[in-house]
Amino acid sequence: MTPHRDNRFVAHFDMLGMSALTKRDPDLAWEKLSALSRARDERMHLGIERLDARELITDQVRSFIFSDTLVAFSKGNTQNDAMALLLLTTEVFTRALHYYIPLRGGVAHGRFNFNLDLNLFSGPALVDAYALGESSQWLGVVIDDYTAEIAKSIPLHSATGKETIVRWSVPMRAEPPVSRYVMNWVQTHRHNYCGPIPLTVEVFYSPLATLFGPLESLDPAIRSKYENTVEFFNAHYNLAGAL
């Protein structure tokens, strides 16, 4: 099969803490990896209804899981491709949270080569998507400007009428926060949450303690990822007037 070399939309997600978990408890790590695969299978093939065009978008995204990494990419380079990739990967992100799997990710646009027969894929867009996710200190989905502008031109809104793509000061690993576009998964999946408001770090992290140990025992840099996620959650959940 001749490699496809067109520009497209690419997502890269990784599971937080998987390396340490694999060394400490390989069976539990395998269980969580299997749950990530299940989350992908349950969500990645959903159809998306584009209301403004009265169109059902299907079969626009391909994905692979290897080790603790999920890579997804669009088949094309259109608005529909951007929309499908963003919404479906956000579905996987939130479904993974349902299975107590912490993910962080990035989505970028650019050249991406793939050969499905050989299961090969590479390209600048994958590198960019990896960098967007890997540099962030939270659980979330960071989007490059081009992809966000394409998707926002549709536009996308949650069931509550709030924007699904927003600007946020994304906490970074070794530098001050950077203003970037991010997926507002708090609003797109608001109906899935039935816990206390405001959410606390203790409540958010508690299901993950079996994976990574007590919250108070975490390295401060690791704990900050959960604190930053809760800050984002509370800021955007409250937009709908929950308080």
C-alpha atoms as a PDB file:
ATOM      1  CA  MET A   1       0.000   0.000   0.000  1.00  0.00           C
ATOM      2  CA  THR A   2       1.373   3.426  -0.944  1.00  0.00           C
ATOM      3  CA  PRO A   3       1.872   5.643   2.132  1.00  0.00           C
ATOM      4  CA  HIS A   4      -0.629   8.495   2.531  1.00  0.00           C
ATOM      5  CA  ARG A   5       1.274  11.776   2.868  1.00  0.00           C
ATOM      6  CA  ASP A   6      -1.452  14.398   3.071  1.00  0.00           C
ATOM      7  CA  ASN A   7      -1.987  16.931   5.825  1.00  0.00           C
ATOM      8  CA  ARG A   8      -4.497  15.773   8.414  1.00  0.00           C
ATOM      9  CA  PHE A   9      -5.471  16.099  12.094  1.00  0.00           C
ATOM     10  CA  VAL A  10      -3.566  13.967  14.593  1.00  0.00           C
ATOM     11  CA  ALA A  11      -4.048  13.244  18.303  1.00  0.00           C
ATOM     12  CA  HIS A  12      -1.562  11.784  20.781  1.00  0.00           C
ATOM     13  CA  PHE A  13      -2.648  10.655  24.269  1.00  0.00           C
ATOM     14  CA  ASP A  14      -0.707   8.937  27.011  1.00  0.00           C
ATOM     15  CA  MET A  15      -1.652   7.411  30.360  1.00  0.00           C
ATOM     16  CA  LEU A  16      -0.190   9.195  33.356  1.00  0.00           C
ATOM     17  CA  GLY A  17       1.939   7.066  35.678  1.00  0.00           C
ATOM     18  CA  MET A  18       1.856   3.956  33.513  1.00  0.00           C
ATOM     19  CA  SER A  19       5.614   3.290  33.584  1.00  0.00           C
ATOM     20  CA  ALA A  20       5.793   3.261  37.375  1.00  0.00           C
ATOM     21  CA  LEU A  21       2.593   1.212  37.616  1.00  0.00           C
ATOM     22  CA  THR A  22       3.925  -1.375  35.152  1.00  0.00           C
ATOM     23  CA  LYS A  23       7.036  -1.918  37.264  1.00  0.00           C
ATOM     24  CA  ARG A  24       5.100  -2.075  40.544  1.00  0.00           C
ATOM     25  CA  ASP A  25       2.069  -4.128  39.448  1.00  0.00           C
ATOM     26  CA  PRO A  26       2.218  -5.501  35.878  1.00  0.00           C
ATOM     27  CA  ASP A  27      -1.159  -7.224  36.216  1.00  0.00           C
ATOM     28  CA  LEU A  28      -2.937  -4.022  37.243  1.00  0.00           C
ATOM     29  CA  ALA A  29      -1.144  -2.115  34.490  1.00  0.00           C
ATOM     30  CA  TRP A  30      -2.363  -4.670  31.937  1.00  0.00           C
ATOM     31  CA  GLU A  31      -5.884  -4.369  33.337  1.00  0.00           C
ATOM     32  CA  LYS A  32      -5.833  -0.595  32.845  1.00  0.00           C
ATOM     33  CA  LEU A  33      -4.336  -0.884  29.375  1.00  0.00           C
ATOM     34  CA  SER A  34      -7.145  -3.277  28.472  1.00  0.00           C
ATOM     35  CA  ALA A  35      -9.652  -0.769  29.874  1.00  0.00           C
ATOM     36  CA  LEU A  36      -8.144   1.960  27.684  1.00  0.00           C
ATOM     37  CA  SER A  37      -8.620  -0.280  24.663  1.00  0.00           C
ATOM     38  CA  ARG A  38     -12.222  -0.844  25.733  1.00  0.00           C
ATOM     39  CA  ALA A  39     -12.800   2.898  26.106  1.00  0.00           C
ATOM     40  CA  ARG A  40     -11.396   3.426  22.607  1.00  0.00           C
ATOM     41  CA  ASP A  41     -13.587   0.713  21.114  1.00  0.00           C
ATOM     42  CA  GLU A  42     -16.704   2.020  22.841  1.00  0.00           C
ATOM     43  CA  ARG A  43     -16.275   5.598  21.668  1.00  0.00           C
ATOM     44  CA  MET A  44     -14.027   5.958  18.635  1.00  0.00           C
ATOM     45  CA  HIS A  45     -16.549   4.604  16.138  1.00  0.00           C
ATOM     46  CA  LEU A  46     -19.515   6.724  17.175  1.00  0.00           C
ATOM     47  CA  GLY A  47     -21.279   8.747  14.490  1.00  0.00           C
ATOM     48  CA  ILE A  48     -21.308  12.539  14.904  1.00  0.00           C
ATOM     49  CA  GLU A  49     -24.256  14.614  13.803  1.00  0.00           C
ATOM     50  CA  ARG A  50     -23.358  17.976  12.295  1.00  0.00           C
ATOM     51  CA  LEU A  51     -26.550  19.940  12.848  1.00  0.00           C
ATOM     52  CA  ASP A  52     -25.725  22.972  10.702  1.00  0.00           C
ATOM     53  CA  ALA A  53     -25.198  20.775   7.637  1.00  0.00           C
ATOM     54  CA  ARG A  54     -27.713  18.068   8.613  1.00  0.00           C
ATOM     55  CA  GLU A  55     -24.976  15.529   8.094  1.00  0.00           C
ATOM     56  CA  LEU A  56     -23.877  12.403   9.938  1.00  0.00           C
ATOM     57  CA  ILE A  57     -20.103  12.064  10.100  1.00  0.00           C
ATOM     58  CA  THR A  58     -18.855   8.479  10.299  1.00  0.00           C
ATOM     59  CA  ASP A  59     -15.658   6.529   9.660  1.00  0.00           C
ATOM     60  CA  GLN A  60     -13.401   9.620   9.602  1.00  0.00           C
ATOM     61  CA  VAL A  61     -10.858   8.560  12.250  1.00  0.00           C
ATOM     62  CA  ARG A  62      -8.335   5.756  12.634  1.00  0.00           C
ATOM     63  CA  SER A  63      -6.559   4.921  15.888  1.00  0.00           C
ATOM     64  CA  PHE A  64      -3.852   2.716  17.369  1.00  0.00           C
ATOM     65  CA  ILE A  65      -2.850   1.817  20.922  1.00  0.00           C
ATOM     66  CA  PHE A  66       0.673   0.777  21.795  1.00  0.00           C
ATOM     67  CA  SER A  67       2.059   0.552  25.315  1.00  0.00           C
ATOM     68  CA  ASP A  68       0.463   3.464  27.220  1.00  0.00           C
ATOM     69  CA  THR A  69      -0.134   5.587  24.106  1.00  0.00           C
ATOM     70  CA  LEU A  70      -3.153   6.215  21.907  1.00  0.00           C
ATOM     71  CA  VAL A  71      -2.643   7.764  18.479  1.00  0.00           C
ATOM     72  CA  ALA A  72      -5.630   8.820  16.381  1.00  0.00           C
ATOM     73  CA  PHE A  73      -5.729  10.572  13.017  1.00  0.00           C
ATOM     74  CA  SER A  74      -8.291  11.774  10.539  1.00  0.00           C
ATOM     75  CA  LYS A  75      -8.644  10.307   7.072  1.00  0.00           C
ATOM     76  CA  GLY A  76      -8.897  13.745   5.509  1.00  0.00           C
ATOM     77  CA  ASN A  77      -8.201  17.441   5.945  1.00  0.00           C
ATOM     78  CA  THR A  78     -11.666  19.006   6.163  1.00  0.00           C
ATOM     79  CA  GLN A  79     -13.830  20.665   8.820  1.00  0.00           C
ATOM     80  CA  ASN A  80     -15.584  17.346   9.305  1.00  0.00           C
ATOM     81  CA  ASP A  81     -12.269  15.614   9.907  1.00  0.00           C
ATOM     82  CA  ALA A  82     -11.258  18.150  12.549  1.00  0.00           C
ATOM     83  CA  MET A  83     -14.660  17.907  14.200  1.00  0.00           C
ATOM     84  CA  ALA A  84     -14.644  14.106  14.220  1.00  0.00           C
ATOM     85  CA  LEU A  85     -11.138  13.794  15.624  1.00  0.00           C
ATOM     86  CA  LEU A  86     -11.687  16.343  18.395  1.00  0.00           C
ATOM     87  CA  LEU A  87     -15.049  15.034  19.527  1.00  0.00           C
ATOM     88  CA  LEU A  88     -14.197  11.346  19.325  1.00  0.00           C
ATOM     89  CA  THR A  89     -10.885  11.653  21.162  1.00  0.00           C
ATOM     90  CA  THR A  90     -12.633  13.708  23.846  1.00  0.00           C
ATOM     91  CA  GLU A  91     -15.165  10.899  24.110  1.00  0.00           C
ATOM     92  CA  VAL A  92     -12.295   8.467  24.679  1.00  0.00           C
ATOM     93  CA  PHE A  93     -10.687  10.841  27.208  1.00  0.00           C
ATOM     94  CA  THR A  94     -13.840  11.049  29.322  1.00  0.00           C
ATOM     95  CA  ARG A  95     -14.641   7.348  28.925  1.00  0.00           C
ATOM     96  CA  ALA A  96     -11.132   6.580  30.171  1.00  0.00           C
ATOM     97  CA  LEU A  97     -11.822   8.725  33.249  1.00  0.00           C
ATOM     98  CA  HIS A  98     -14.920   6.572  33.800  1.00  0.00           C
ATOM     99  CA  TYR A  99     -12.563   3.589  33.980  1.00  0.00           C
ATOM    100  CA  TYR A 100     -10.193   5.514  36.302  1.00  0.00           C
ATOM    101  CA  ILE A 101      -7.549   5.995  33.637  1.00  0.00           C
ATOM    102  CA  PRO A 102      -5.855   9.422  33.640  1.00  0.00           C
ATOM    103  CA  LEU A 103      -4.989  10.686  30.154  1.00  0.00           C
ATOM    104  CA  ARG A 104      -3.467  13.827  28.768  1.00  0.00           C
ATOM    105  CA  GLY A 105      -3.252  14.622  25.106  1.00  0.00           C
ATOM    106  CA  GLY A 106      -2.593  16.985  22.273  1.00  0.00           C
ATOM    107  CA  VAL A 107      -4.136  17.499  18.850  1.00  0.00           C
ATOM    108  CA  ALA A 108      -2.252  19.056  15.936  1.00  0.00           C
ATOM    109  CA  HIS A 109      -2.555  19.555  12.193  1.00  0.00           C
ATOM    110  CA  GLY A 110       0.083  18.867   9.570  1.00  0.00           C
ATOM    111  CA  ARG A 111       1.720  16.227   7.469  1.00  0.00           C
ATOM    112  CA  PHE A 112       1.165  12.703   8.713  1.00  0.00           C
ATOM    113  CA  ASN A 113       2.264   9.614   6.830  1.00  0.00           C
ATOM    114  CA  PHE A 114       0.670   6.234   7.438  1.00  0.00           C
ATOM    115  CA  ASN A 115       0.652   2.760   5.958  1.00  0.00           C
ATOM    116  CA  LEU A 116      -2.118   0.625   7.420  1.00  0.00           C
ATOM    117  CA  ASP A 117      -0.793  -2.584   5.847  1.00  0.00           C
ATOM    118  CA  LEU A 118       2.514  -2.219   7.696  1.00  0.00           C
ATOM    119  CA  ASN A 119       1.014  -0.434  10.713  1.00  0.00           C
ATOM    120  CA  LEU A 120       3.450   2.451  10.218  1.00  0.00           C
ATOM    121  CA  PHE A 121       2.788   6.110  10.901  1.00  0.00           C
ATOM    122  CA  SER A 122       4.928   9.207  11.374  1.00  0.00           C
ATOM    123  CA  GLY A 123       5.056  12.903  10.627  1.00  0.00           C
ATOM    124  CA  PRO A 124       5.461  16.417  12.030  1.00  0.00           C
ATOM    125  CA  ALA A 125       1.816  16.557  13.157  1.00  0.00           C
ATOM    126  CA  LEU A 126       2.373  13.572  15.442  1.00  0.00           C
ATOM    127  CA  VAL A 127       5.463  15.208  16.943  1.00  0.00           C
ATOM    128  CA  ASP A 128       3.514  18.426  17.517  1.00  0.00           C
ATOM    129  CA  ALA A 129       0.560  16.614  19.088  1.00  0.00           C
ATOM    130  CA  TYR A 130       2.929  14.710  21.374  1.00  0.00           C
ATOM    131  CA  ALA A 131       4.655  17.922  22.458  1.00  0.00           C
ATOM    132  CA  LEU A 132       1.353  19.691  23.230  1.00  0.00           C
ATOM    133  CA  GLY A 133       0.203  16.907  25.508  1.00  0.00           C
ATOM    134  CA  GLU A 134       3.520  15.932  27.042  1.00  0.00           C
ATOM    135  CA  SER A 135       4.435  19.456  28.148  1.00  0.00           C
ATOM    136  CA  SER A 136       1.141  20.049  29.982  1.00  0.00           C
ATOM    137  CA  GLN A 137       0.736  19.419  33.697  1.00  0.00           C
ATOM    138  CA  TRP A 138      -2.845  18.168  33.930  1.00  0.00           C
ATOM    139  CA  LEU A 139      -5.419  15.778  32.536  1.00  0.00           C
ATOM    140  CA  GLY A 140      -6.785  17.451  29.439  1.00  0.00           C
ATOM    141  CA  VAL A 141      -6.682  17.927  25.687  1.00  0.00           C
ATOM    142  CA  VAL A 142      -4.570  20.760  24.217  1.00  0.00           C
ATOM    143  CA  ILE A 143      -5.201  21.808  20.602  1.00  0.00           C
ATOM    144  CA  ASP A 144      -2.960  23.660  18.172  1.00  0.00           C
ATOM    145  CA  ASP A 145      -4.258  26.968  16.824  1.00  0.00           C
ATOM    146  CA  TYR A 146      -4.953  25.772  13.276  1.00  0.00           C
ATOM    147  CA  THR A 147      -7.086  22.809  14.349  1.00  0.00           C
ATOM    148  CA  ALA A 148      -8.971  24.908  16.883  1.00  0.00           C
ATOM    149  CA  GLU A 149      -9.768  27.654  14.384  1.00  0.00           C
ATOM    150  CA  ILE A 150     -10.988  25.138  11.815  1.00  0.00           C
ATOM    151  CA  ALA A 151     -13.223  23.433  14.358  1.00  0.00           C
ATOM    152  CA  LYS A 152     -14.484  26.683  15.901  1.00  0.00           C
ATOM    153  CA  SER A 153     -15.600  27.900  12.485  1.00  0.00           C
ATOM    154  CA  ILE A 154     -18.393  25.266  12.507  1.00  0.00           C
ATOM    155  CA  PRO A 155     -18.995  26.191  15.515  1.00  0.00           C
ATOM    156  CA  LEU A 156     -19.194  23.498  18.190  1.00  0.00           C
ATOM    157  CA  HIS A 157     -21.297  23.881  21.334  1.00  0.00           C
ATOM    158  CA  SER A 158     -22.140  21.612  24.233  1.00  0.00           C
ATOM    159  CA  ALA A 159     -25.688  20.681  25.195  1.00  0.00           C
ATOM    160  CA  THR A 160     -25.652  23.630  27.626  1.00  0.00           C
ATOM    161  CA  GLY A 161     -24.785  26.031  24.802  1.00  0.00           C
ATOM    162  CA  LYS A 162     -21.203  26.571  25.974  1.00  0.00           C
ATOM    163  CA  GLU A 163     -18.241  26.483  23.596  1.00  0.00           C
ATOM    164  CA  THR A 164     -16.492  23.143  23.403  1.00  0.00           C
ATOM    165  CA  ILE A 165     -13.143  24.725  22.494  1.00  0.00           C
ATOM    166  CA  VAL A 166     -11.892  27.419  24.868  1.00  0.00           C
ATOM    167  CA  ARG A 167      -8.748  29.332  25.729  1.00  0.00           C
ATOM    168  CA  TRP A 168      -7.050  28.327  28.978  1.00  0.00           C
ATOM    169  CA  SER A 169      -3.765  29.036  30.694  1.00  0.00           C
ATOM    170  CA  VAL A 170      -2.415  25.520  30.410  1.00  0.00           C
ATOM    171  CA  PRO A 171      -0.030  24.617  33.251  1.00  0.00           C
ATOM    172  CA  MET A 172       3.355  23.598  31.919  1.00  0.00           C
ATOM    173  CA  ARG A 173       6.048  21.305  33.251  1.00  0.00           C
ATOM    174  CA  ALA A 174       9.035  23.643  33.365  1.00  0.00           C
ATOM    175  CA  GLU A 175       7.696  27.095  32.527  1.00  0.00           C
ATOM    176  CA  PRO A 176       4.826  29.467  33.297  1.00  0.00           C
ATOM    177  CA  PRO A 177       1.333  28.573  32.049  1.00  0.00           C
ATOM    178  CA  VAL A 178       0.733  29.128  28.329  1.00  0.00           C
ATOM    179  CA  SER A 179      -2.564  30.326  26.845  1.00  0.00           C
ATOM    180  CA  ARG A 180      -3.751  27.641  24.444  1.00  0.00           C
ATOM    181  CA  TYR A 181      -6.916  26.247  22.966  1.00  0.00           C
ATOM    182  CA  VAL A 182      -8.230  23.228  24.867  1.00  0.00           C
ATOM    183  CA  MET A 183     -11.243  20.949  24.718  1.00  0.00           C
ATOM    184  CA  ASN A 184     -13.880  21.935  27.255  1.00  0.00           C
ATOM    185  CA  TRP A 185     -14.619  18.332  28.240  1.00  0.00           C
ATOM    186  CA  VAL A 186     -16.200  19.554  31.460  1.00  0.00           C
ATOM    187  CA  GLN A 187     -19.107  21.027  29.493  1.00  0.00           C
ATOM    188  CA  THR A 188     -19.334  18.449  26.713  1.00  0.00           C
ATOM    189  CA  HIS A 189     -19.710  15.714  29.337  1.00  0.00           C
ATOM    190  CA  ARG A 190     -21.331  17.724  32.114  1.00  0.00           C
ATOM    191  CA  HIS A 191     -24.279  15.299  32.204  1.00  0.00           C
ATOM    192  CA  ASN A 192     -21.917  12.483  33.252  1.00  0.00           C
ATOM    193  CA  TYR A 193     -20.958  14.111  36.549  1.00  0.00           C
ATOM    194  CA  CYS A 194     -23.037  13.794  39.711  1.00  0.00           C
ATOM    195  CA  GLY A 195     -20.499  14.521  42.446  1.00  0.00           C
ATOM    196  CA  PRO A 196     -19.908  17.480  44.751  1.00  0.00           C
ATOM    197  CA  ILE A 197     -19.453  21.011  43.456  1.00  0.00           C
ATOM    198  CA  PRO A 198     -16.942  22.471  43.737  1.00  0.00           C
ATOM    199  CA  LEU A 199     -14.957  19.336  43.045  1.00  0.00           C
ATOM    200  CA  THR A 200     -12.001  18.725  45.362  1.00  0.00           C
ATOM    201  CA  VAL A 201      -8.659  17.160  44.529  1.00  0.00           C
ATOM    202  CA  GLU A 202      -9.307  14.506  47.172  1.00  0.00           C
ATOM    203  CA  VAL A 203     -12.571  13.412  45.539  1.00  0.00           C
ATOM    204  CA  PHE A 204     -11.199  13.538  41.992  1.00  0.00           C
ATOM    205  CA  TYR A 205      -8.088  11.538  42.853  1.00  0.00           C
ATOM    206  CA  SER A 206      -9.617   8.976  45.217  1.00  0.00           C
ATOM    207  CA  PRO A 207     -10.426   6.331  42.520  1.00  0.00           C
ATOM    208  CA  LEU A 208      -6.825   6.554  41.311  1.00  0.00           C
ATOM    209  CA  ALA A 209      -5.265   5.831  44.692  1.00  0.00           C
ATOM    210  CA  THR A 210      -5.296   2.089  43.960  1.00  0.00           C
ATOM    211  CA  LEU A 211      -3.055   2.820  40.973  1.00  0.00           C
ATOM    212  CA  PHE A 212      -0.644   5.401  42.305  1.00  0.00           C
ATOM    213  CA  GLY A 213      -0.933   5.390  46.100  1.00  0.00           C
ATOM    214  CA  PRO A 214      -2.377   7.941  48.541  1.00  0.00           C
ATOM    215  CA  LEU A 215      -2.709  11.536  47.392  1.00  0.00           C
ATOM    216  CA  GLU A 216      -0.549  12.794  50.262  1.00  0.00           C
ATOM    217  CA  SER A 217       2.272  10.478  49.176  1.00  0.00           C
ATOM    218  CA  LEU A 218       2.493  11.782  45.620  1.00  0.00           C
ATOM    219  CA  ASP A 219       5.444  13.800  44.435  1.00  0.00           C
ATOM    220  CA  PRO A 220       4.395  17.482  44.392  1.00  0.00           C
ATOM    221  CA  ALA A 221       4.905  17.695  40.623  1.00  0.00           C
ATOM    222  CA  ILE A 222       2.582  14.740  40.085  1.00  0.00           C
ATOM    223  CA  ARG A 223      -0.003  15.989  42.559  1.00  0.00           C
ATOM    224  CA  SER A 224      -0.065  19.334  40.767  1.00  0.00           C
ATOM    225  CA  LYS A 225      -1.435  17.610  37.643  1.00  0.00           C
ATOM    226  CA  TYR A 226      -4.552  16.615  39.543  1.00  0.00           C
ATOM    227  CA  GLU A 227      -4.830  20.002  41.233  1.00  0.00           C
ATOM    228  CA  ASN A 228      -4.614  21.742  37.867  1.00  0.00           C
ATOM    229  CA  THR A 229      -7.274  19.450  36.424  1.00  0.00           C
ATOM    230  CA  VAL A 230      -9.659  20.166  39.279  1.00  0.00           C
ATOM    231  CA  GLU A 231      -9.083  23.904  38.867  1.00  0.00           C
ATOM    232  CA  PHE A 232     -10.076  23.624  35.197  1.00  0.00           C
ATOM    233  CA  PHE A 233     -13.088  21.484  36.062  1.00  0.00           C
ATOM    234  CA  ASN A 234     -14.475  23.899  38.632  1.00  0.00           C
ATOM    235  CA  ALA A 235     -13.898  26.950  36.452  1.00  0.00           C
ATOM    236  CA  HIS A 236     -15.816  25.466  33.521  1.00  0.00           C
ATOM    237  CA  TYR A 237     -18.481  23.471  35.323  1.00  0.00           C
ATOM    238  CA  ASN A 238     -19.560  26.634  37.117  1.00  0.00           C
ATOM    239  CA  LEU A 239     -20.102  28.411  33.792  1.00  0.00           C
ATOM    240  CA  ALA A 240     -23.521  26.822  33.590  1.00  0.00           C
ATOM    241  CA  GLY A 241     -24.541  28.347  36.917  1.00  0.00           C
ATOM    242  CA  ALA A 242     -24.168  25.277  39.107  1.00  0.00           C
ATOM    243  CA  LEU A 243     -23.324  27.425  42.118  1.00  0.00           C
END
